[in-house]
Amino acid sequence: EFRELTEFYPNFKFRLVLSKPPEKWPLASGHVTDE
């Protein structure tokens, strides 16, 4: 739902951060505060 918002509203940016991601996780990982 949030990713769809980024497609329709260019002023909105979304980052999902996993602190314990699976192996070869391609997106942001660690603590959200690090980002």
PDB file of all heavy atoms in Angstrom:
ATOM      1  N   GLU A   1       0.830  -1.211   0.000  1.00  0.00           N
ATOM      2  CA  GLU A   1       0.000   0.000   0.000  1.00  0.00           C
ATOM      3  C   GLU A   1       0.861   1.257   0.000  1.00  0.00           C
ATOM      4  O   GLU A   1       0.583   2.225  -0.712  1.00  0.00           O
ATOM      5  CB  GLU A   1      -0.938  -0.001   1.205  1.00  0.00           C
ATOM      6  CG  GLU A   1      -2.003  -1.089   1.154  1.00  0.00           C
ATOM      7  CD  GLU A   1      -2.998  -0.961   2.286  1.00  0.00           C
ATOM      8  OE1 GLU A   1      -3.451   0.165   2.550  1.00  0.00           O
ATOM      9  OE2 GLU A   1      -3.312  -1.989   2.905  1.00  0.00           O
ATOM     10  N   PHE A   2       1.927   1.231   0.802  1.00  0.00           N
ATOM     11  CA  PHE A   2       2.818   2.399   0.854  1.00  0.00           C
ATOM     12  C   PHE A   2       3.629   2.531  -0.435  1.00  0.00           C
ATOM     13  O   PHE A   2       3.866   3.646  -0.913  1.00  0.00           O
ATOM     14  CB  PHE A   2       3.739   2.319   2.064  1.00  0.00           C
ATOM     15  CG  PHE A   2       3.041   2.594   3.373  1.00  0.00           C
ATOM     16  CD1 PHE A   2       2.969   1.617   4.347  1.00  0.00           C
ATOM     17  CD2 PHE A   2       2.447   3.820   3.619  1.00  0.00           C
ATOM     18  CE1 PHE A   2       2.318   1.860   5.554  1.00  0.00           C
ATOM     19  CE2 PHE A   2       1.792   4.078   4.817  1.00  0.00           C
ATOM     20  CZ  PHE A   2       1.731   3.091   5.788  1.00  0.00           C
ATOM     21  N   ARG A   3       4.036   1.416  -1.008  1.00  0.00           N
ATOM     22  CA  ARG A   3       4.791   1.487  -2.266  1.00  0.00           C
ATOM     23  C   ARG A   3       3.911   2.017  -3.393  1.00  0.00           C
ATOM     24  O   ARG A   3       4.381   2.754  -4.270  1.00  0.00           O
ATOM     25  CB  ARG A   3       5.361   0.108  -2.617  1.00  0.00           C
ATOM     26  CG  ARG A   3       6.407  -0.374  -1.632  1.00  0.00           C
ATOM     27  CD  ARG A   3       7.301  -1.443  -2.180  1.00  0.00           C
ATOM     28  NE  ARG A   3       8.069  -2.081  -1.117  1.00  0.00           N
ATOM     29  CZ  ARG A   3       9.114  -1.535  -0.500  1.00  0.00           C
ATOM     30  NH1 ARG A   3       9.516  -0.331  -0.863  1.00  0.00           N
ATOM     31  NH2 ARG A   3       9.745  -2.175   0.473  1.00  0.00           N
ATOM     32  N   GLU A   4       2.653   1.659  -3.382  1.00  0.00           N
ATOM     33  CA  GLU A   4       1.730   2.191  -4.385  1.00  0.00           C
ATOM     34  C   GLU A   4       1.587   3.706  -4.254  1.00  0.00           C
ATOM     35  O   GLU A   4       1.490   4.423  -5.254  1.00  0.00           O
ATOM     36  CB  GLU A   4       0.372   1.510  -4.259  1.00  0.00           C
ATOM     37  CG  GLU A   4       0.351   0.083  -4.786  1.00  0.00           C
ATOM     38  CD  GLU A   4      -1.000  -0.564  -4.625  1.00  0.00           C
ATOM     39  OE1 GLU A   4      -1.945   0.114  -4.173  1.00  0.00           O
ATOM     40  OE2 GLU A   4      -1.123  -1.768  -4.943  1.00  0.00           O
ATOM     41  N   LEU A   5       1.608   4.196  -3.018  1.00  0.00           N
ATOM     42  CA  LEU A   5       1.532   5.642  -2.815  1.00  0.00           C
ATOM     43  C   LEU A   5       2.715   6.350  -3.467  1.00  0.00           C
ATOM     44  O   LEU A   5       2.569   7.449  -4.020  1.00  0.00           O
ATOM     45  CB  LEU A   5       1.491   5.977  -1.322  1.00  0.00           C
ATOM     46  CG  LEU A   5       0.198   5.700  -0.557  1.00  0.00           C
ATOM     47  CD1 LEU A   5       0.352   6.162   0.891  1.00  0.00           C
ATOM     48  CD2 LEU A   5      -0.999   6.391  -1.200  1.00  0.00           C
ATOM     49  N   THR A   6       3.909   5.731  -3.396  1.00  0.00           N
ATOM     50  CA  THR A   6       5.092   6.359  -3.994  1.00  0.00           C
ATOM     51  C   THR A   6       4.944   6.471  -5.507  1.00  0.00           C
ATOM     52  O   THR A   6       5.543   7.360  -6.134  1.00  0.00           O
ATOM     53  CB  THR A   6       6.383   5.584  -3.668  1.00  0.00           C
ATOM     54  OG1 THR A   6       6.336   4.284  -4.288  1.00  0.00           O
ATOM     55  CG2 THR A   6       6.568   5.418  -2.169  1.00  0.00           C
ATOM     56  N   GLU A   7       4.155   5.580  -6.120  1.00  0.00           N
ATOM     57  CA  GLU A   7       3.957   5.620  -7.565  1.00  0.00           C
ATOM     58  C   GLU A   7       2.988   6.733  -7.973  1.00  0.00           C
ATOM     59  O   GLU A   7       3.153   7.346  -9.026  1.00  0.00           O
ATOM     60  CB  GLU A   7       3.428   4.268  -8.058  1.00  0.00           C
ATOM     61  CG  GLU A   7       4.422   3.121  -7.850  1.00  0.00           C
ATOM     62  CD  GLU A   7       3.835   1.785  -8.253  1.00  0.00           C
ATOM     63  OE1 GLU A   7       2.732   1.777  -8.848  1.00  0.00           O
ATOM     64  OE2 GLU A   7       4.472   0.757  -7.980  1.00  0.00           O
ATOM     65  N   PHE A   8       2.004   6.985  -7.139  1.00  0.00           N
ATOM     66  CA  PHE A   8       0.987   7.979  -7.466  1.00  0.00           C
ATOM     67  C   PHE A   8       1.331   9.381  -6.962  1.00  0.00           C
ATOM     68  O   PHE A   8       0.844  10.375  -7.496  1.00  0.00           O
ATOM     69  CB  PHE A   8      -0.364   7.559  -6.896  1.00  0.00           C
ATOM     70  CG  PHE A   8      -0.987   6.397  -7.621  1.00  0.00           C
ATOM     71  CD1 PHE A   8      -0.954   5.127  -7.080  1.00  0.00           C
ATOM     72  CD2 PHE A   8      -1.589   6.576  -8.862  1.00  0.00           C
ATOM     73  CE1 PHE A   8      -1.522   4.051  -7.745  1.00  0.00           C
ATOM     74  CE2 PHE A   8      -2.159   5.510  -9.540  1.00  0.00           C
ATOM     75  CZ  PHE A   8      -2.125   4.243  -8.986  1.00  0.00           C
ATOM     76  N   TYR A   9       2.163   9.461  -5.919  1.00  0.00           N
ATOM     77  CA  TYR A   9       2.479  10.754  -5.307  1.00  0.00           C
ATOM     78  C   TYR A   9       4.001  10.916  -5.247  1.00  0.00           C
ATOM     79  O   TYR A   9       4.666  10.394  -4.339  1.00  0.00           O
ATOM     80  CB  TYR A   9       1.865  10.848  -3.909  1.00  0.00           C
ATOM     81  CG  TYR A   9       0.368  10.639  -3.918  1.00  0.00           C
ATOM     82  CD1 TYR A   9      -0.177   9.395  -3.618  1.00  0.00           C
ATOM     83  CD2 TYR A   9      -0.499  11.682  -4.243  1.00  0.00           C
ATOM     84  CE1 TYR A   9      -1.549   9.186  -3.642  1.00  0.00           C
ATOM     85  CE2 TYR A   9      -1.873  11.489  -4.268  1.00  0.00           C
ATOM     86  CZ  TYR A   9      -2.390  10.239  -3.971  1.00  0.00           C
ATOM     87  OH  TYR A   9      -3.751  10.042  -4.000  1.00  0.00           O
ATOM     88  N   PRO A  10       4.584  11.649  -6.195  1.00  0.00           N
ATOM     89  CA  PRO A  10       6.050  11.793  -6.273  1.00  0.00           C
ATOM     90  C   PRO A  10       6.668  12.444  -5.035  1.00  0.00           C
ATOM     91  O   PRO A  10       7.870  12.288  -4.804  1.00  0.00           O
ATOM     92  CB  PRO A  10       6.241  12.685  -7.507  1.00  0.00           C
ATOM     93  CG  PRO A  10       4.981  12.548  -8.292  1.00  0.00           C
ATOM     94  CD  PRO A  10       3.899  12.330  -7.297  1.00  0.00           C
ATOM     95  N   ASN A  11       5.870  13.176  -4.254  1.00  0.00           N
ATOM     96  CA  ASN A  11       6.406  13.845  -3.063  1.00  0.00           C
ATOM     97  C   ASN A  11       6.525  12.906  -1.872  1.00  0.00           C
ATOM     98  O   ASN A  11       7.044  13.298  -0.816  1.00  0.00           O
ATOM     99  CB  ASN A  11       5.531  15.031  -2.672  1.00  0.00           C
ATOM    100  CG  ASN A  11       4.078  14.650  -2.423  1.00  0.00           C
ATOM    101  OD1 ASN A  11       3.485  13.895  -3.195  1.00  0.00           O
ATOM    102  ND2 ASN A  11       3.499  15.187  -1.357  1.00  0.00           N
ATOM    103  N   PHE A  12       6.069  11.643  -2.026  1.00  0.00           N
ATOM    104  CA  PHE A  12       6.116  10.684  -0.924  1.00  0.00           C
ATOM    105  C   PHE A  12       7.207   9.648  -1.162  1.00  0.00           C
ATOM    106  O   PHE A  12       7.277   9.022  -2.216  1.00  0.00           O
ATOM    107  CB  PHE A  12       4.768   9.980  -0.773  1.00  0.00           C
ATOM    108  CG  PHE A  12       4.751   8.896   0.274  1.00  0.00           C
ATOM    109  CD1 PHE A  12       4.968   9.203   1.611  1.00  0.00           C
ATOM    110  CD2 PHE A  12       4.531   7.571  -0.066  1.00  0.00           C
ATOM    111  CE1 PHE A  12       4.967   8.208   2.586  1.00  0.00           C
ATOM    112  CE2 PHE A  12       4.514   6.568   0.892  1.00  0.00           C
ATOM    113  CZ  PHE A  12       4.730   6.892   2.226  1.00  0.00           C
ATOM    114  N   LYS A  13       8.077   9.463  -0.145  1.00  0.00           N
ATOM    115  CA  LYS A  13       9.160   8.478  -0.201  1.00  0.00           C
ATOM    116  C   LYS A  13       9.002   7.502   0.960  1.00  0.00           C
ATOM    117  O   LYS A  13       8.682   7.901   2.077  1.00  0.00           O
ATOM    118  CB  LYS A  13      10.533   9.157  -0.115  1.00  0.00           C
ATOM    119  CG  LYS A  13      10.736  10.303  -1.107  1.00  0.00           C
ATOM    120  CD  LYS A  13      10.679   9.840  -2.539  1.00  0.00           C
ATOM    121  CE  LYS A  13      10.913  11.012  -3.507  1.00  0.00           C
ATOM    122  NZ  LYS A  13      10.751  10.601  -4.919  1.00  0.00           N
ATOM    123  N   PHE A  14       9.265   6.220   0.684  1.00  0.00           N
ATOM    124  CA  PHE A  14       9.042   5.164   1.679  1.00  0.00           C
ATOM    125  C   PHE A  14      10.260   4.249   1.764  1.00  0.00           C
ATOM    126  O   PHE A  14      10.775   3.798   0.746  1.00  0.00           O
ATOM    127  CB  PHE A  14       7.800   4.361   1.278  1.00  0.00           C
ATOM    128  CG  PHE A  14       7.584   3.100   2.075  1.00  0.00           C
ATOM    129  CD1 PHE A  14       7.602   3.119   3.464  1.00  0.00           C
ATOM    130  CD2 PHE A  14       7.333   1.898   1.432  1.00  0.00           C
ATOM    131  CE1 PHE A  14       7.390   1.958   4.195  1.00  0.00           C
ATOM    132  CE2 PHE A  14       7.105   0.726   2.149  1.00  0.00           C
ATOM    133  CZ  PHE A  14       7.136   0.765   3.529  1.00  0.00           C
ATOM    134  N   ARG A  15      10.699   3.989   2.999  1.00  0.00           N
ATOM    135  CA  ARG A  15      11.791   3.055   3.241  1.00  0.00           C
ATOM    136  C   ARG A  15      11.364   2.066   4.324  1.00  0.00           C
ATOM    137  O   ARG A  15      11.088   2.456   5.456  1.00  0.00           O
ATOM    138  CB  ARG A  15      13.054   3.790   3.708  1.00  0.00           C
ATOM    139  CG  ARG A  15      13.635   4.764   2.702  1.00  0.00           C
ATOM    140  CD  ARG A  15      14.330   4.045   1.554  1.00  0.00           C
ATOM    141  NE  ARG A  15      14.980   5.010   0.680  1.00  0.00           N
ATOM    142  CZ  ARG A  15      14.388   5.643  -0.330  1.00  0.00           C
ATOM    143  NH1 ARG A  15      13.118   5.417  -0.593  1.00  0.00           N
ATOM    144  NH2 ARG A  15      15.049   6.498  -1.077  1.00  0.00           N
ATOM    145  N   LEU A  16      11.322   0.779   3.966  1.00  0.00           N
ATOM    146  CA  LEU A  16      11.082  -0.282   4.941  1.00  0.00           C
ATOM    147  C   LEU A  16      12.437  -0.838   5.351  1.00  0.00           C
ATOM    148  O   LEU A  16      13.269  -1.167   4.493  1.00  0.00           O
ATOM    149  CB  LEU A  16      10.225  -1.390   4.319  1.00  0.00           C
ATOM    150  CG  LEU A  16       9.927  -2.578   5.229  1.00  0.00           C
ATOM    151  CD1 LEU A  16       8.994  -2.172   6.365  1.00  0.00           C
ATOM    152  CD2 LEU A  16       9.305  -3.730   4.419  1.00  0.00           C
ATOM    153  N   VAL A  17      12.664  -0.936   6.663  1.00  0.00           N
ATOM    154  CA  VAL A  17      13.961  -1.367   7.181  1.00  0.00           C
ATOM    155  C   VAL A  17      13.766  -2.604   8.058  1.00  0.00           C
ATOM    156  O   VAL A  17      12.986  -2.580   9.017  1.00  0.00           O
ATOM    157  CB  VAL A  17      14.624  -0.249   8.017  1.00  0.00           C
ATOM    158  CG1 VAL A  17      16.028  -0.662   8.432  1.00  0.00           C
ATOM    159  CG2 VAL A  17      14.659   1.060   7.234  1.00  0.00           C
ATOM    160  N   LEU A  18      14.454  -3.704   7.731  1.00  0.00           N
ATOM    161  CA  LEU A  18      14.384  -4.925   8.543  1.00  0.00           C
ATOM    162  C   LEU A  18      15.635  -5.041   9.406  1.00  0.00           C
ATOM    163  O   LEU A  18      16.756  -4.958   8.905  1.00  0.00           O
ATOM    164  CB  LEU A  18      14.266  -6.159   7.649  1.00  0.00           C
ATOM    165  CG  LEU A  18      13.001  -6.296   6.792  1.00  0.00           C
ATOM    166  CD1 LEU A  18      12.997  -7.645   6.073  1.00  0.00           C
ATOM    167  CD2 LEU A  18      11.745  -6.145   7.638  1.00  0.00           C
ATOM    168  N   SER A  19      15.451  -5.242  10.701  1.00  0.00           N
ATOM    169  CA  SER A  19      16.601  -5.372  11.600  1.00  0.00           C
ATOM    170  C   SER A  19      17.202  -6.781  11.561  1.00  0.00           C
ATOM    171  O   SER A  19      18.376  -6.967  11.867  1.00  0.00           O
ATOM    172  CB  SER A  19      16.205  -5.015  13.035  1.00  0.00           C
ATOM    173  OG  SER A  19      15.181  -5.866  13.503  1.00  0.00           O
ATOM    174  N   LYS A  20      16.393  -7.772  11.157  1.00  0.00           N
ATOM    175  CA  LYS A  20      16.881  -9.151  11.035  1.00  0.00           C
ATOM    176  C   LYS A  20      16.429  -9.708   9.683  1.00  0.00           C
ATOM    177  O   LYS A  20      15.564 -10.588   9.608  1.00  0.00           O
ATOM    178  CB  LYS A  20      16.366 -10.001  12.188  1.00  0.00           C
ATOM    179  CG  LYS A  20      16.879  -9.525  13.553  1.00  0.00           C
ATOM    180  CD  LYS A  20      16.439 -10.426  14.683  1.00  0.00           C
ATOM    181  CE  LYS A  20      17.016  -9.931  16.008  1.00  0.00           C
ATOM    182  NZ  LYS A  20      16.626 -10.786  17.142  1.00  0.00           N
ATOM    183  N   PRO A  21      17.019  -9.193   8.619  1.00  0.00           N
ATOM    184  CA  PRO A  21      16.564  -9.561   7.269  1.00  0.00           C
ATOM    185  C   PRO A  21      17.007 -10.969   6.883  1.00  0.00           C
ATOM    186  O   PRO A  21      17.965 -11.507   7.448  1.00  0.00           O
ATOM    187  CB  PRO A  21      17.250  -8.520   6.390  1.00  0.00           C
ATOM    188  CG  PRO A  21      18.514  -8.201   7.122  1.00  0.00           C
ATOM    189  CD  PRO A  21      18.155  -8.254   8.582  1.00  0.00           C
ATOM    190  N   PRO A  22      16.327 -11.559   5.895  1.00  0.00           N
ATOM    191  CA  PRO A  22      16.778 -12.856   5.383  1.00  0.00           C
ATOM    192  C   PRO A  22      18.051 -12.690   4.566  1.00  0.00           C
ATOM    193  O   PRO A  22      18.436 -11.571   4.205  1.00  0.00           O
ATOM    194  CB  PRO A  22      15.608 -13.295   4.494  1.00  0.00           C
ATOM    195  CG  PRO A  22      14.963 -12.021   4.066  1.00  0.00           C
ATOM    196  CD  PRO A  22      15.115 -11.081   5.231  1.00  0.00           C
ATOM    197  N   GLU A  23      18.683 -13.788   4.269  1.00  0.00           N
ATOM    198  CA  GLU A  23      19.904 -13.750   3.463  1.00  0.00           C
ATOM    199  C   GLU A  23      19.598 -13.168   2.089  1.00  0.00           C
ATOM    200  O   GLU A  23      18.546 -13.433   1.500  1.00  0.00           O
ATOM    201  CB  GLU A  23      20.461 -15.173   3.327  1.00  0.00           C
ATOM    202  CG  GLU A  23      21.859 -15.227   2.738  1.00  0.00           C
ATOM    203  CD  GLU A  23      22.436 -16.628   2.733  1.00  0.00           C
ATOM    204  OE1 GLU A  23      21.820 -17.517   3.328  1.00  0.00           O
ATOM    205  OE2 GLU A  23      23.501 -16.815   2.122  1.00  0.00           O
ATOM    206  N   LYS A  24      20.485 -12.334   1.598  1.00  0.00           N
ATOM    207  CA  LYS A  24      20.371 -11.678   0.296  1.00  0.00           C
ATOM    208  C   LYS A  24      19.177 -10.720   0.224  1.00  0.00           C
ATOM    209  O   LYS A  24      18.634 -10.471  -0.841  1.00  0.00           O
ATOM    210  CB  LYS A  24      20.288 -12.722  -0.827  1.00  0.00           C
ATOM    211  CG  LYS A  24      21.538 -13.589  -0.940  1.00  0.00           C
ATOM    212  CD  LYS A  24      21.426 -14.583  -2.075  1.00  0.00           C
ATOM    213  CE  LYS A  24      22.677 -15.450  -2.169  1.00  0.00           C
ATOM    214  NZ  LYS A  24      22.574 -16.447  -3.263  1.00  0.00           N
ATOM    215  N   TRP A  25      18.791 -10.159   1.365  1.00  0.00           N
ATOM    216  CA  TRP A  25      17.743  -9.141   1.389  1.00  0.00           C
ATOM    217  C   TRP A  25      18.238  -7.919   0.616  1.00  0.00           C
ATOM    218  O   TRP A  25      19.279  -7.345   0.946  1.00  0.00           O
ATOM    219  CB  TRP A  25      17.424  -8.781   2.837  1.00  0.00           C
ATOM    220  CG  TRP A  25      16.495  -7.624   3.049  1.00  0.00           C
ATOM    221  CD1 TRP A  25      16.816  -6.390   3.541  1.00  0.00           C
ATOM    222  CD2 TRP A  25      15.081  -7.594   2.813  1.00  0.00           C
ATOM    223  NE1 TRP A  25      15.703  -5.595   3.619  1.00  0.00           N
ATOM    224  CE2 TRP A  25      14.621  -6.304   3.190  1.00  0.00           C
ATOM    225  CE3 TRP A  25      14.159  -8.520   2.324  1.00  0.00           C
ATOM    226  CZ2 TRP A  25      13.282  -5.931   3.072  1.00  0.00           C
ATOM    227  CZ3 TRP A  25      12.822  -8.148   2.215  1.00  0.00           C
ATOM    228  CH2 TRP A  25      12.390  -6.861   2.591  1.00  0.00           C
ATOM    229  N   PRO A  26      17.525  -7.475  -0.429  1.00  0.00           N
ATOM    230  CA  PRO A  26      18.055  -6.426  -1.311  1.00  0.00           C
ATOM    231  C   PRO A  26      17.807  -4.999  -0.825  1.00  0.00           C
ATOM    232  O   PRO A  26      18.380  -4.059  -1.376  1.00  0.00           O
ATOM    233  CB  PRO A  26      17.305  -6.673  -2.622  1.00  0.00           C
ATOM    234  CG  PRO A  26      15.979  -7.210  -2.171  1.00  0.00           C
ATOM    235  CD  PRO A  26      16.254  -8.033  -0.938  1.00  0.00           C
ATOM    236  N   LEU A  27      16.945  -4.835   0.188  1.00  0.00           N
ATOM    237  CA  LEU A  27      16.566  -3.490   0.610  1.00  0.00           C
ATOM    238  C   LEU A  27      17.249  -3.108   1.910  1.00  0.00           C
ATOM    239  O   LEU A  27      18.181  -3.762   2.357  1.00  0.00           O
ATOM    240  CB  LEU A  27      15.038  -3.421   0.725  1.00  0.00           C
ATOM    241  CG  LEU A  27      14.273  -3.816  -0.552  1.00  0.00           C
ATOM    242  CD1 LEU A  27      12.776  -3.783  -0.311  1.00  0.00           C
ATOM    243  CD2 LEU A  27      14.659  -2.912  -1.716  1.00  0.00           C
ATOM    244  N   ALA A  28      16.781  -2.033   2.544  1.00  0.00           N
ATOM    245  CA  ALA A  28      17.440  -1.510   3.734  1.00  0.00           C
ATOM    246  C   ALA A  28      17.371  -2.494   4.898  1.00  0.00           C
ATOM    247  O   ALA A  28      16.345  -3.155   5.114  1.00  0.00           O
ATOM    248  CB  ALA A  28      16.797  -0.185   4.141  1.00  0.00           C
ATOM    249  N   SER A  29      18.452  -2.586   5.643  1.00  0.00           N
ATOM    250  CA  SER A  29      18.502  -3.462   6.814  1.00  0.00           C
ATOM    251  C   SER A  29      19.247  -2.761   7.940  1.00  0.00           C
ATOM    252  O   SER A  29      19.971  -1.795   7.720  1.00  0.00           O
ATOM    253  CB  SER A  29      19.177  -4.788   6.472  1.00  0.00           C
ATOM    254  OG  SER A  29      20.518  -4.573   6.051  1.00  0.00           O
ATOM    255  N   GLY A  30      19.035  -3.254   9.160  1.00  0.00           N
ATOM    256  CA  GLY A  30      19.640  -2.636  10.337  1.00  0.00           C
ATOM    257  C   GLY A  30      18.573  -1.936  11.151  1.00  0.00           C
ATOM    258  O   GLY A  30      17.408  -2.352  11.170  1.00  0.00           O
ATOM    259  N   HIS A  31      18.951  -0.880  11.835  1.00  0.00           N
ATOM    260  CA  HIS A  31      17.994  -0.121  12.644  1.00  0.00           C
ATOM    261  C   HIS A  31      17.473   1.075  11.844  1.00  0.00           C
ATOM    262  O   HIS A  31      18.215   1.701  11.087  1.00  0.00           O
ATOM    263  CB  HIS A  31      18.653   0.353  13.937  1.00  0.00           C
ATOM    264  CG  HIS A  31      19.041  -0.777  14.836  1.00  0.00           C
ATOM    265  ND1 HIS A  31      18.125  -1.553  15.513  1.00  0.00           N
ATOM    266  CD2 HIS A  31      20.260  -1.273  15.173  1.00  0.00           C
ATOM    267  CE1 HIS A  31      18.740  -2.476  16.214  1.00  0.00           C
ATOM    268  NE2 HIS A  31      20.049  -2.329  16.027  1.00  0.00           N
ATOM    269  N   VAL A  32      16.205   1.370  12.051  1.00  0.00           N
ATOM    270  CA  VAL A  32      15.594   2.457  11.296  1.00  0.00           C
ATOM    271  C   VAL A  32      16.303   3.789  11.566  1.00  0.00           C
ATOM    272  O   VAL A  32      16.409   4.643  10.680  1.00  0.00           O
ATOM    273  CB  VAL A  32      14.083   2.531  11.618  1.00  0.00           C
ATOM    274  CG1 VAL A  32      13.841   3.008  13.032  1.00  0.00           C
ATOM    275  CG2 VAL A  32      13.345   3.391  10.619  1.00  0.00           C
ATOM    276  N   THR A  33      16.844   3.946  12.764  1.00  0.00           N
ATOM    277  CA  THR A  33      17.555   5.191  13.096  1.00  0.00           C
ATOM    278  C   THR A  33      18.854   5.343  12.311  1.00  0.00           C
ATOM    279  O   THR A  33      19.298   6.464  12.049  1.00  0.00           O
ATOM    280  CB  THR A  33      17.851   5.254  14.601  1.00  0.00           C
ATOM    281  OG1 THR A  33      18.382   3.994  15.036  1.00  0.00           O
ATOM    282  CG2 THR A  33      16.580   5.535  15.395  1.00  0.00           C
ATOM    283  N   ASP A  34      19.463   4.216  11.911  1.00  0.00           N
ATOM    284  CA  ASP A  34      20.681   4.302  11.097  1.00  0.00           C
ATOM    285  C   ASP A  34      20.380   4.933   9.746  1.00  0.00           C
ATOM    286  O   ASP A  34      21.198   5.673   9.191  1.00  0.00           O
ATOM    287  CB  ASP A  34      21.274   2.904  10.894  1.00  0.00           C
ATOM    288  CG  ASP A  34      21.780   2.293  12.190  1.00  0.00           C
ATOM    289  OD1 ASP A  34      22.145   3.072  13.092  1.00  0.00           O
ATOM    290  OD2 ASP A  34      21.791   1.060  12.299  1.00  0.00           O
ATOM    291  N   GLU A  35      19.202   4.641   9.204  1.00  0.00           N
ATOM    292  CA  GLU A  35      18.802   5.210   7.922  1.00  0.00           C
ATOM    293  C   GLU A  35      18.517   6.712   8.052  1.00  0.00           C
ATOM    294  O   GLU A  35      18.875   7.503   7.184  1.00  0.00           O
ATOM    295  CB  GLU A  35      17.557   4.489   7.403  1.00  0.00           C
ATOM    296  CG  GLU A  35      17.778   3.024   7.064  1.00  0.00           C
ATOM    297  CD  GLU A  35      18.656   2.837   5.842  1.00  0.00           C
ATOM    298  OE1 GLU A  35      18.464   3.584   4.865  1.00  0.00           O
ATOM    299  OE2 GLU A  35      19.525   1.947   5.872  1.00  0.00           O
TER     300      GLU A  35
END
